[in-house]
Amino acid sequence: MEIDINVITKRVSIWLTHAESKDVQLQASLKPLYREFKAERFLVAVYESGTEDLEELTKYLLEFNAERIAEEELRLERGLPASRSSRMRRRRRV
């Protein structure tokens, strides 16, 4: 388990391994900690490790995003309108 406390943003990140996330006693022991930080108006986020292959999933995500970027660039080169998702991204930046 790893606990990161950011006093400036008032956020607490608790990182649990897969085994720790299944440990009922550990989960129960964290409840007083949640209450303590909540009383001090901190936002507590608990991150639990999964069982999937992180490297493989990251590779897939990067490949997917690269394909989407290439498709969007091709659309723009051909003078076609930007895709809906691309238009929405631009609106959020403004």
PDB file of N, CA and C in Angstrom:
ATOM      1  N   MET A   1       0.848  -1.173   0.000  1.00  0.00           N
ATOM      2  CA  MET A   1       0.000   0.000   0.000  1.00  0.00           C
ATOM      3  C   MET A   1       0.890   1.230   0.000  1.00  0.00           C
ATOM      4  N   GLU A   2       0.438   2.217  -0.740  1.00  0.00           N
ATOM      5  CA  GLU A   2       1.135   3.490  -0.790  1.00  0.00           C
ATOM      6  C   GLU A   2       0.102   4.595  -0.609  1.00  0.00           C
ATOM      7  N   ILE A   3       0.423   5.570   0.227  1.00  0.00           N
ATOM      8  CA  ILE A   3      -0.480   6.692   0.469  1.00  0.00           C
ATOM      9  C   ILE A   3       0.250   7.978   0.105  1.00  0.00           C
ATOM     10  N   ASP A   4      -0.339   8.739  -0.827  1.00  0.00           N
ATOM     11  CA  ASP A   4       0.200  10.032  -1.238  1.00  0.00           C
ATOM     12  C   ASP A   4      -0.744  11.116  -0.748  1.00  0.00           C
ATOM     13  N   ILE A   5      -0.196  12.079  -0.010  1.00  0.00           N
ATOM     14  CA  ILE A   5      -1.000  13.172   0.529  1.00  0.00           C
ATOM     15  C   ILE A   5      -0.518  14.479  -0.082  1.00  0.00           C
ATOM     16  N   ASN A   6      -1.428  15.201  -0.720  1.00  0.00           N
ATOM     17  CA  ASN A   6      -1.108  16.494  -1.299  1.00  0.00           C
ATOM     18  C   ASN A   6      -1.873  17.552  -0.499  1.00  0.00           C
ATOM     19  N   VAL A   7      -1.152  18.246   0.351  1.00  0.00           N
ATOM     20  CA  VAL A   7      -1.767  19.234   1.248  1.00  0.00           C
ATOM     21  C   VAL A   7      -2.270  20.438   0.453  1.00  0.00           C
ATOM     22  N   ILE A   8      -1.587  20.783  -0.620  1.00  0.00           N
ATOM     23  CA  ILE A   8      -1.969  21.955  -1.406  1.00  0.00           C
ATOM     24  C   ILE A   8      -3.327  21.745  -2.073  1.00  0.00           C
ATOM     25  N   THR A   9      -3.519  20.591  -2.718  1.00  0.00           N
ATOM     26  CA  THR A   9      -4.784  20.325  -3.403  1.00  0.00           C
ATOM     27  C   THR A   9      -5.800  19.619  -2.509  1.00  0.00           C
ATOM     28  N   LYS A  10      -5.369  19.269  -1.301  1.00  0.00           N
ATOM     29  CA  LYS A  10      -6.213  18.572  -0.333  1.00  0.00           C
ATOM     30  C   LYS A  10      -6.755  17.262  -0.917  1.00  0.00           C
ATOM     31  N   ARG A  11      -5.821  16.474  -1.472  1.00  0.00           N
ATOM     32  CA  ARG A  11      -6.174  15.170  -2.039  1.00  0.00           C
ATOM     33  C   ARG A  11      -5.276  14.093  -1.457  1.00  0.00           C
ATOM     34  N   VAL A  12      -5.884  12.946  -1.224  1.00  0.00           N
ATOM     35  CA  VAL A  12      -5.160  11.786  -0.732  1.00  0.00           C
ATOM     36  C   VAL A  12      -5.376  10.647  -1.718  1.00  0.00           C
ATOM     37  N   SER A  13      -4.281  10.060  -2.175  1.00  0.00           N
ATOM     38  CA  SER A  13      -4.348   8.910  -3.074  1.00  0.00           C
ATOM     39  C   SER A  13      -3.831   7.694  -2.326  1.00  0.00           C
ATOM     40  N   ILE A  14      -4.658   6.669  -2.286  1.00  0.00           N
ATOM     41  CA  ILE A  14      -4.266   5.417  -1.638  1.00  0.00           C
ATOM     42  C   ILE A  14      -4.173   4.354  -2.724  1.00  0.00           C
ATOM     43  N   TRP A  15      -2.989   3.782  -2.883  1.00  0.00           N
ATOM     44  CA  TRP A  15      -2.719   2.789  -3.916  1.00  0.00           C
ATOM     45  C   TRP A  15      -2.630   1.414  -3.275  1.00  0.00           C
ATOM     46  N   LEU A  16      -3.481   0.500  -3.720  1.00  0.00           N
ATOM     47  CA  LEU A  16      -3.507  -0.854  -3.170  1.00  0.00           C
ATOM     48  C   LEU A  16      -3.119  -1.873  -4.240  1.00  0.00           C
ATOM     49  N   THR A  17      -2.380  -2.890  -3.822  1.00  0.00           N
ATOM     50  CA  THR A  17      -2.103  -3.991  -4.734  1.00  0.00           C
ATOM     51  C   THR A  17      -3.388  -4.792  -4.909  1.00  0.00           C
ATOM     52  N   HIS A  18      -3.371  -5.709  -5.843  1.00  0.00           N
ATOM     53  CA  HIS A  18      -4.564  -6.543  -6.072  1.00  0.00           C
ATOM     54  C   HIS A  18      -4.904  -7.326  -4.803  1.00  0.00           C
ATOM     55  N   ALA A  19      -3.890  -7.898  -4.161  1.00  0.00           N
ATOM     56  CA  ALA A  19      -4.125  -8.670  -2.934  1.00  0.00           C
ATOM     57  C   ALA A  19      -4.670  -7.782  -1.821  1.00  0.00           C
ATOM     58  N   GLU A  20      -4.121  -6.585  -1.677  1.00  0.00           N
ATOM     59  CA  GLU A  20      -4.588  -5.676  -0.631  1.00  0.00           C
ATOM     60  C   GLU A  20      -6.031  -5.246  -0.874  1.00  0.00           C
ATOM     61  N   SER A  21      -6.409  -5.084  -2.117  1.00  0.00           N
ATOM     62  CA  SER A  21      -7.776  -4.646  -2.402  1.00  0.00           C
ATOM     63  C   SER A  21      -8.796  -5.720  -2.049  1.00  0.00           C
ATOM     64  N   LYS A  22      -8.367  -6.967  -1.940  1.00  0.00           N
ATOM     65  CA  LYS A  22      -9.261  -8.069  -1.571  1.00  0.00           C
ATOM     66  C   LYS A  22      -9.236  -8.369  -0.074  1.00  0.00           C
ATOM     67  N   ASP A  23      -8.349  -7.711   0.661  1.00  0.00           N
ATOM     68  CA  ASP A  23      -8.180  -7.962   2.094  1.00  0.00           C
ATOM     69  C   ASP A  23      -9.243  -7.197   2.891  1.00  0.00           C
ATOM     70  N   VAL A  24     -10.203  -7.915   3.436  1.00  0.00           N
ATOM     71  CA  VAL A  24     -11.320  -7.304   4.150  1.00  0.00           C
ATOM     72  C   VAL A  24     -10.836  -6.556   5.396  1.00  0.00           C
ATOM     73  N   GLN A  25      -9.889  -7.121   6.115  1.00  0.00           N
ATOM     74  CA  GLN A  25      -9.372  -6.462   7.324  1.00  0.00           C
ATOM     75  C   GLN A  25      -8.669  -5.153   6.979  1.00  0.00           C
ATOM     76  N   LEU A  26      -7.895  -5.171   5.919  1.00  0.00           N
ATOM     77  CA  LEU A  26      -7.210  -3.946   5.509  1.00  0.00           C
ATOM     78  C   LEU A  26      -8.227  -2.882   5.109  1.00  0.00           C
ATOM     79  N   GLN A  27      -9.246  -3.274   4.354  1.00  0.00           N
ATOM     80  CA  GLN A  27     -10.289  -2.335   3.955  1.00  0.00           C
ATOM     81  C   GLN A  27     -10.942  -1.703   5.188  1.00  0.00           C
ATOM     82  N   ALA A  28     -11.227  -2.523   6.184  1.00  0.00           N
ATOM     83  CA  ALA A  28     -11.847  -2.019   7.413  1.00  0.00           C
ATOM     84  C   ALA A  28     -10.911  -1.076   8.162  1.00  0.00           C
ATOM     85  N   SER A  29      -9.618  -1.375   8.144  1.00  0.00           N
ATOM     86  CA  SER A  29      -8.659  -0.537   8.860  1.00  0.00           C
ATOM     87  C   SER A  29      -8.484   0.837   8.195  1.00  0.00           C
ATOM     88  N   LEU A  30      -8.870   0.962   6.937  1.00  0.00           N
ATOM     89  CA  LEU A  30      -8.740   2.238   6.237  1.00  0.00           C
ATOM     90  C   LEU A  30      -9.903   3.192   6.511  1.00  0.00           C
ATOM     91  N   LYS A  31     -11.012   2.663   6.963  1.00  0.00           N
ATOM     92  CA  LYS A  31     -12.198   3.515   7.178  1.00  0.00           C
ATOM     93  C   LYS A  31     -11.949   4.675   8.140  1.00  0.00           C
ATOM     94  N   PRO A  32     -11.268   4.465   9.272  1.00  0.00           N
ATOM     95  CA  PRO A  32     -10.975   5.620  10.141  1.00  0.00           C
ATOM     96  C   PRO A  32     -10.098   6.670   9.443  1.00  0.00           C
ATOM     97  N   LEU A  33      -9.203   6.198   8.583  1.00  0.00           N
ATOM     98  CA  LEU A  33      -8.350   7.114   7.833  1.00  0.00           C
ATOM     99  C   LEU A  33      -9.201   7.962   6.881  1.00  0.00           C
ATOM    100  N   TYR A  34     -10.163   7.329   6.206  1.00  0.00           N
ATOM    101  CA  TYR A  34     -11.070   8.067   5.323  1.00  0.00           C
ATOM    102  C   TYR A  34     -11.804   9.155   6.112  1.00  0.00           C
ATOM    103  N   ARG A  35     -12.337   8.777   7.282  1.00  0.00           N
ATOM    104  CA  ARG A  35     -13.089   9.736   8.095  1.00  0.00           C
ATOM    105  C   ARG A  35     -12.201  10.899   8.554  1.00  0.00           C
ATOM    106  N   GLU A  36     -10.970  10.579   8.929  1.00  0.00           N
ATOM    107  CA  GLU A  36     -10.037  11.609   9.398  1.00  0.00           C
ATOM    108  C   GLU A  36      -9.775  12.649   8.296  1.00  0.00           C
ATOM    109  N   PHE A  37      -9.499  12.169   7.095  1.00  0.00           N
ATOM    110  CA  PHE A  37      -9.230  13.099   6.000  1.00  0.00           C
ATOM    111  C   PHE A  37     -10.497  13.831   5.565  1.00  0.00           C
ATOM    112  N   LYS A  38     -11.627  13.158   5.596  1.00  0.00           N
ATOM    113  CA  LYS A  38     -12.886  13.814   5.233  1.00  0.00           C
ATOM    114  C   LYS A  38     -13.180  14.958   6.201  1.00  0.00           C
ATOM    115  N   ALA A  39     -12.891  14.759   7.478  1.00  0.00           N
ATOM    116  CA  ALA A  39     -13.102  15.807   8.478  1.00  0.00           C
ATOM    117  C   ALA A  39     -12.235  17.027   8.190  1.00  0.00           C
ATOM    118  N   GLU A  40     -11.077  16.807   7.584  1.00  0.00           N
ATOM    119  CA  GLU A  40     -10.178  17.908   7.228  1.00  0.00           C
ATOM    120  C   GLU A  40     -10.441  18.411   5.806  1.00  0.00           C
ATOM    121  N   ARG A  41     -11.541  17.944   5.196  1.00  0.00           N
ATOM    122  CA  ARG A  41     -11.982  18.363   3.869  1.00  0.00           C
ATOM    123  C   ARG A  41     -11.008  17.960   2.756  1.00  0.00           C
ATOM    124  N   PHE A  42     -10.410  16.797   2.912  1.00  0.00           N
ATOM    125  CA  PHE A  42      -9.574  16.221   1.865  1.00  0.00           C
ATOM    126  C   PHE A  42     -10.421  15.289   1.008  1.00  0.00           C
ATOM    127  N   LEU A  43     -10.075  15.198  -0.267  1.00  0.00           N
ATOM    128  CA  LEU A  43     -10.695  14.232  -1.157  1.00  0.00           C
ATOM    129  C   LEU A  43      -9.811  12.989  -1.156  1.00  0.00           C
ATOM    130  N   VAL A  44     -10.405  11.833  -0.848  1.00  0.00           N
ATOM    131  CA  VAL A  44      -9.653  10.584  -0.791  1.00  0.00           C
ATOM    132  C   VAL A  44     -10.024   9.721  -1.991  1.00  0.00           C
ATOM    133  N   ALA A  45      -9.007   9.275  -2.724  1.00  0.00           N
ATOM    134  CA  ALA A  45      -9.212   8.374  -3.850  1.00  0.00           C
ATOM    135  C   ALA A  45      -8.417   7.102  -3.599  1.00  0.00           C
ATOM    136  N   VAL A  46      -9.079   5.961  -3.793  1.00  0.00           N
ATOM    137  CA  VAL A  46      -8.424   4.665  -3.609  1.00  0.00           C
ATOM    138  C   VAL A  46      -8.265   4.018  -4.971  1.00  0.00           C
ATOM    139  N   TYR A  47      -7.039   3.650  -5.298  1.00  0.00           N
ATOM    140  CA  TYR A  47      -6.734   2.998  -6.569  1.00  0.00           C
ATOM    141  C   TYR A  47      -6.361   1.541  -6.287  1.00  0.00           C
ATOM    142  N   GLU A  48      -7.055   0.642  -6.960  1.00  0.00           N
ATOM    143  CA  GLU A  48      -6.826  -0.783  -6.767  1.00  0.00           C
ATOM    144  C   GLU A  48      -6.204  -1.369  -8.023  1.00  0.00           C
ATOM    145  N   SER A  49      -5.144  -2.127  -7.837  1.00  0.00           N
ATOM    146  CA  SER A  49      -4.482  -2.770  -8.966  1.00  0.00           C
ATOM    147  C   SER A  49      -5.390  -3.837  -9.554  1.00  0.00           C
ATOM    148  N   GLY A  50      -5.344  -3.955 -10.864  1.00  0.00           N
ATOM    149  CA  GLY A  50      -6.170  -4.949 -11.543  1.00  0.00           C
ATOM    150  C   GLY A  50      -5.406  -6.236 -11.803  1.00  0.00           C
ATOM    151  N   THR A  51      -6.005  -7.059 -12.642  1.00  0.00           N
ATOM    152  CA  THR A  51      -5.399  -8.358 -12.939  1.00  0.00           C
ATOM    153  C   THR A  51      -4.943  -8.460 -14.392  1.00  0.00           C
ATOM    154  N   GLU A  52      -5.230  -7.449 -15.186  1.00  0.00           N
ATOM    155  CA  GLU A  52      -4.869  -7.482 -16.602  1.00  0.00           C
ATOM    156  C   GLU A  52      -3.403  -7.108 -16.803  1.00  0.00           C
ATOM    157  N   ASP A  53      -2.896  -7.385 -17.993  1.00  0.00           N
ATOM    158  CA  ASP A  53      -1.516  -7.084 -18.354  1.00  0.00           C
ATOM    159  C   ASP A  53      -1.410  -5.604 -18.721  1.00  0.00           C
ATOM    160  N   LEU A  54      -0.832  -4.811 -17.835  1.00  0.00           N
ATOM    161  CA  LEU A  54      -0.749  -3.367 -18.024  1.00  0.00           C
ATOM    162  C   LEU A  54       0.042  -3.013 -19.283  1.00  0.00           C
ATOM    163  N   GLU A  55       1.139  -3.695 -19.525  1.00  0.00           N
ATOM    164  CA  GLU A  55       1.960  -3.398 -20.698  1.00  0.00           C
ATOM    165  C   GLU A  55       1.181  -3.636 -21.992  1.00  0.00           C
ATOM    166  N   GLU A  56       0.471  -4.740 -22.068  1.00  0.00           N
ATOM    167  CA  GLU A  56      -0.293  -5.069 -23.266  1.00  0.00           C
ATOM    168  C   GLU A  56      -1.434  -4.070 -23.482  1.00  0.00           C
ATOM    169  N   LEU A  57      -2.140  -3.730 -22.419  1.00  0.00           N
ATOM    170  CA  LEU A  57      -3.246  -2.783 -22.545  1.00  0.00           C
ATOM    171  C   LEU A  57      -2.760  -1.380 -22.915  1.00  0.00           C
ATOM    172  N   THR A  58      -1.619  -0.970 -22.372  1.00  0.00           N
ATOM    173  CA  THR A  58      -1.052   0.336 -22.708  1.00  0.00           C
ATOM    174  C   THR A  58      -0.637   0.369 -24.171  1.00  0.00           C
ATOM    175  N   LYS A  59      -0.025  -0.720 -24.628  1.00  0.00           N
ATOM    176  CA  LYS A  59       0.374  -0.824 -26.037  1.00  0.00           C
ATOM    177  C   LYS A  59      -0.853  -0.698 -26.939  1.00  0.00           C
ATOM    178  N   TYR A  60      -1.922  -1.396 -26.597  1.00  0.00           N
ATOM    179  CA  TYR A  60      -3.159  -1.327 -27.379  1.00  0.00           C
ATOM    180  C   TYR A  60      -3.699   0.097 -27.416  1.00  0.00           C
ATOM    181  N   LEU A  61      -3.730   0.767 -26.271  1.00  0.00           N
ATOM    182  CA  LEU A  61      -4.253   2.136 -26.198  1.00  0.00           C
ATOM    183  C   LEU A  61      -3.424   3.093 -27.056  1.00  0.00           C
ATOM    184  N   LEU A  62      -2.108   2.974 -26.991  1.00  0.00           N
ATOM    185  CA  LEU A  62      -1.233   3.836 -27.791  1.00  0.00           C
ATOM    186  C   LEU A  62      -1.437   3.591 -29.289  1.00  0.00           C
ATOM    187  N   GLU A  63      -1.563   2.322 -29.672  1.00  0.00           N
ATOM    188  CA  GLU A  63      -1.800   1.996 -31.080  1.00  0.00           C
ATOM    189  C   GLU A  63      -3.148   2.557 -31.551  1.00  0.00           C
ATOM    190  N   PHE A  64      -4.172   2.404 -30.718  1.00  0.00           N
ATOM    191  CA  PHE A  64      -5.500   2.909 -31.051  1.00  0.00           C
ATOM    192  C   PHE A  64      -5.463   4.419 -31.247  1.00  0.00           C
ATOM    193  N   ASN A  65      -4.820   5.128 -30.318  1.00  0.00           N
ATOM    194  CA  ASN A  65      -4.744   6.591 -30.413  1.00  0.00           C
ATOM    195  C   ASN A  65      -3.950   7.026 -31.636  1.00  0.00           C
ATOM    196  N   ALA A  66      -2.870   6.313 -31.961  1.00  0.00           N
ATOM    197  CA  ALA A  66      -2.074   6.640 -33.150  1.00  0.00           C
ATOM    198  C   ALA A  66      -2.919   6.473 -34.411  1.00  0.00           C
ATOM    199  N   GLU A  67      -3.722   5.429 -34.480  1.00  0.00           N
ATOM    200  CA  GLU A  67      -4.605   5.215 -35.629  1.00  0.00           C
ATOM    201  C   GLU A  67      -5.637   6.337 -35.754  1.00  0.00           C
ATOM    202  N   ARG A  68      -6.209   6.739 -34.622  1.00  0.00           N
ATOM    203  CA  ARG A  68      -7.205   7.821 -34.644  1.00  0.00           C
ATOM    204  C   ARG A  68      -6.579   9.127 -35.129  1.00  0.00           C
ATOM    205  N   ILE A  69      -5.368   9.427 -34.683  1.00  0.00           N
ATOM    206  CA  ILE A  69      -4.679  10.653 -35.103  1.00  0.00           C
ATOM    207  C   ILE A  69      -4.403  10.596 -36.601  1.00  0.00           C
ATOM    208  N   ALA A  70      -3.915   9.442 -37.089  1.00  0.00           N
ATOM    209  CA  ALA A  70      -3.629   9.285 -38.518  1.00  0.00           C
ATOM    210  C   ALA A  70      -4.903   9.448 -39.350  1.00  0.00           C
ATOM    211  N   GLU A  71      -6.003   8.873 -38.890  1.00  0.00           N
ATOM    212  CA  GLU A  71      -7.276   9.012 -39.606  1.00  0.00           C
ATOM    213  C   GLU A  71      -7.717  10.475 -39.666  1.00  0.00           C
ATOM    214  N   GLU A  72      -7.569  11.167 -38.561  1.00  0.00           N
ATOM    215  CA  GLU A  72      -7.982  12.577 -38.501  1.00  0.00           C
ATOM    216  C   GLU A  72      -7.106  13.422 -39.422  1.00  0.00           C
ATOM    217  N   GLU A  73      -5.795  13.170 -39.431  1.00  0.00           N
ATOM    218  CA  GLU A  73      -4.900  13.911 -40.311  1.00  0.00           C
ATOM    219  C   GLU A  73      -5.251  13.664 -41.774  1.00  0.00           C
ATOM    220  N   LEU A  74      -5.596  12.430 -42.119  1.00  0.00           N
ATOM    221  CA  LEU A  74      -5.979  12.090 -43.484  1.00  0.00           C
ATOM    222  C   LEU A  74      -7.266  12.816 -43.882  1.00  0.00           C
ATOM    223  N   ARG A  75      -8.215  12.868 -42.979  1.00  0.00           N
ATOM    224  CA  ARG A  75      -9.471  13.582 -43.245  1.00  0.00           C
ATOM    225  C   ARG A  75      -9.187  15.052 -43.543  1.00  0.00           C
ATOM    226  N   LEU A  76      -8.330  15.655 -42.748  1.00  0.00           N
ATOM    227  CA  LEU A  76      -8.023  17.075 -42.931  1.00  0.00           C
ATOM    228  C   LEU A  76      -7.260  17.308 -44.235  1.00  0.00           C
ATOM    229  N   GLU A  77      -6.342  16.391 -44.582  1.00  0.00           N
ATOM    230  CA  GLU A  77      -5.602  16.511 -45.844  1.00  0.00           C
ATOM    231  C   GLU A  77      -6.544  16.441 -47.044  1.00  0.00           C
ATOM    232  N   ARG A  78      -7.569  15.639 -46.942  1.00  0.00           N
ATOM    233  CA  ARG A  78      -8.523  15.480 -48.041  1.00  0.00           C
ATOM    234  C   ARG A  78      -9.577  16.585 -48.052  1.00  0.00           C
ATOM    235  N   GLY A  79      -9.499  17.483 -47.096  1.00  0.00           N
ATOM    236  CA  GLY A  79     -10.448  18.587 -47.046  1.00  0.00           C
ATOM    237  C   GLY A  79     -11.796  18.203 -46.467  1.00  0.00           C
ATOM    238  N   LEU A  80     -11.865  17.060 -45.818  1.00  0.00           N
ATOM    239  CA  LEU A  80     -13.114  16.622 -45.204  1.00  0.00           C
ATOM    240  C   LEU A  80     -13.277  17.295 -43.848  1.00  0.00           C
ATOM    241  N   PRO A  81     -14.503  17.432 -43.401  1.00  0.00           N
ATOM    242  CA  PRO A  81     -14.707  18.048 -42.079  1.00  0.00           C
ATOM    243  C   PRO A  81     -14.116  17.166 -40.981  1.00  0.00           C
ATOM    244  N   ALA A  82     -13.725  17.802 -39.906  1.00  0.00           N
ATOM    245  CA  ALA A  82     -13.181  17.067 -38.768  1.00  0.00           C
ATOM    246  C   ALA A  82     -14.242  16.142 -38.200  1.00  0.00           C
ATOM    247  N   SER A  83     -13.799  15.048 -37.632  1.00  0.00           N
ATOM    248  CA  SER A  83     -14.744  14.110 -37.026  1.00  0.00           C
ATOM    249  C   SER A  83     -15.413  14.760 -35.822  1.00  0.00           C
ATOM    250  N   ARG A  84     -16.525  14.209 -35.408  1.00  0.00           N
ATOM    251  CA  ARG A  84     -17.277  14.753 -34.273  1.00  0.00           C
ATOM    252  C   ARG A  84     -16.422  14.811 -33.025  1.00  0.00           C
ATOM    253  N   SER A  85     -15.667  13.756 -32.732  1.00  0.00           N
ATOM    254  CA  SER A  85     -14.847  13.737 -31.510  1.00  0.00           C
ATOM    255  C   SER A  85     -13.760  14.804 -31.573  1.00  0.00           C
ATOM    256  N   SER A  86     -13.221  15.050 -32.762  1.00  0.00           N
ATOM    257  CA  SER A  86     -12.199  16.078 -32.912  1.00  0.00           C
ATOM    258  C   SER A  86     -12.792  17.468 -32.691  1.00  0.00           C
ATOM    259  N   ARG A  87     -13.994  17.707 -33.217  1.00  0.00           N
ATOM    260  CA  ARG A  87     -14.654  19.005 -33.024  1.00  0.00           C
ATOM    261  C   ARG A  87     -14.944  19.232 -31.548  1.00  0.00           C
ATOM    262  N   MET A  88     -15.354  18.190 -30.852  1.00  0.00           N
ATOM    263  CA  MET A  88     -15.669  18.327 -29.430  1.00  0.00           C
ATOM    264  C   MET A  88     -14.410  18.639 -28.629  1.00  0.00           C
ATOM    265  N   ARG A  89     -13.280  18.024 -28.982  1.00  0.00           N
ATOM    266  CA  ARG A  89     -12.024  18.304 -28.290  1.00  0.00           C
ATOM    267  C   ARG A  89     -11.647  19.765 -28.455  1.00  0.00           C
ATOM    268  N   ARG A  90     -11.816  20.295 -29.671  1.00  0.00           N
ATOM    269  CA  ARG A  90     -11.462  21.693 -29.902  1.00  0.00           C
ATOM    270  C   ARG A  90     -12.349  22.629 -29.105  1.00  0.00           C
ATOM    271  N   ARG A  91     -13.627  22.316 -28.977  1.00  0.00           N
ATOM    272  CA  ARG A  91     -14.544  23.166 -28.202  1.00  0.00           C
ATOM    273  C   ARG A  91     -14.132  23.223 -26.731  1.00  0.00           C
ATOM    274  N   ARG A  92     -13.690  22.126 -26.195  1.00  0.00           N
ATOM    275  CA  ARG A  92     -13.321  22.097 -24.772  1.00  0.00           C
ATOM    276  C   ARG A  92     -12.087  22.954 -24.502  1.00  0.00           C
ATOM    277  N   ARG A  93     -11.191  23.060 -25.479  1.00  0.00           N
ATOM    278  CA  ARG A  93      -9.965  23.837 -25.283  1.00  0.00           C
ATOM    279  C   ARG A  93     -10.235  25.334 -25.248  1.00  0.00           C
ATOM    280  N   VAL A  94     -11.296  25.756 -25.897  1.00  0.00           N
ATOM    281  CA  VAL A  94     -11.591  27.189 -26.005  1.00  0.00           C
ATOM    282  C   VAL A  94     -12.094  27.724 -24.700  1.00  0.00           C
TER     283      VAL A  94
END
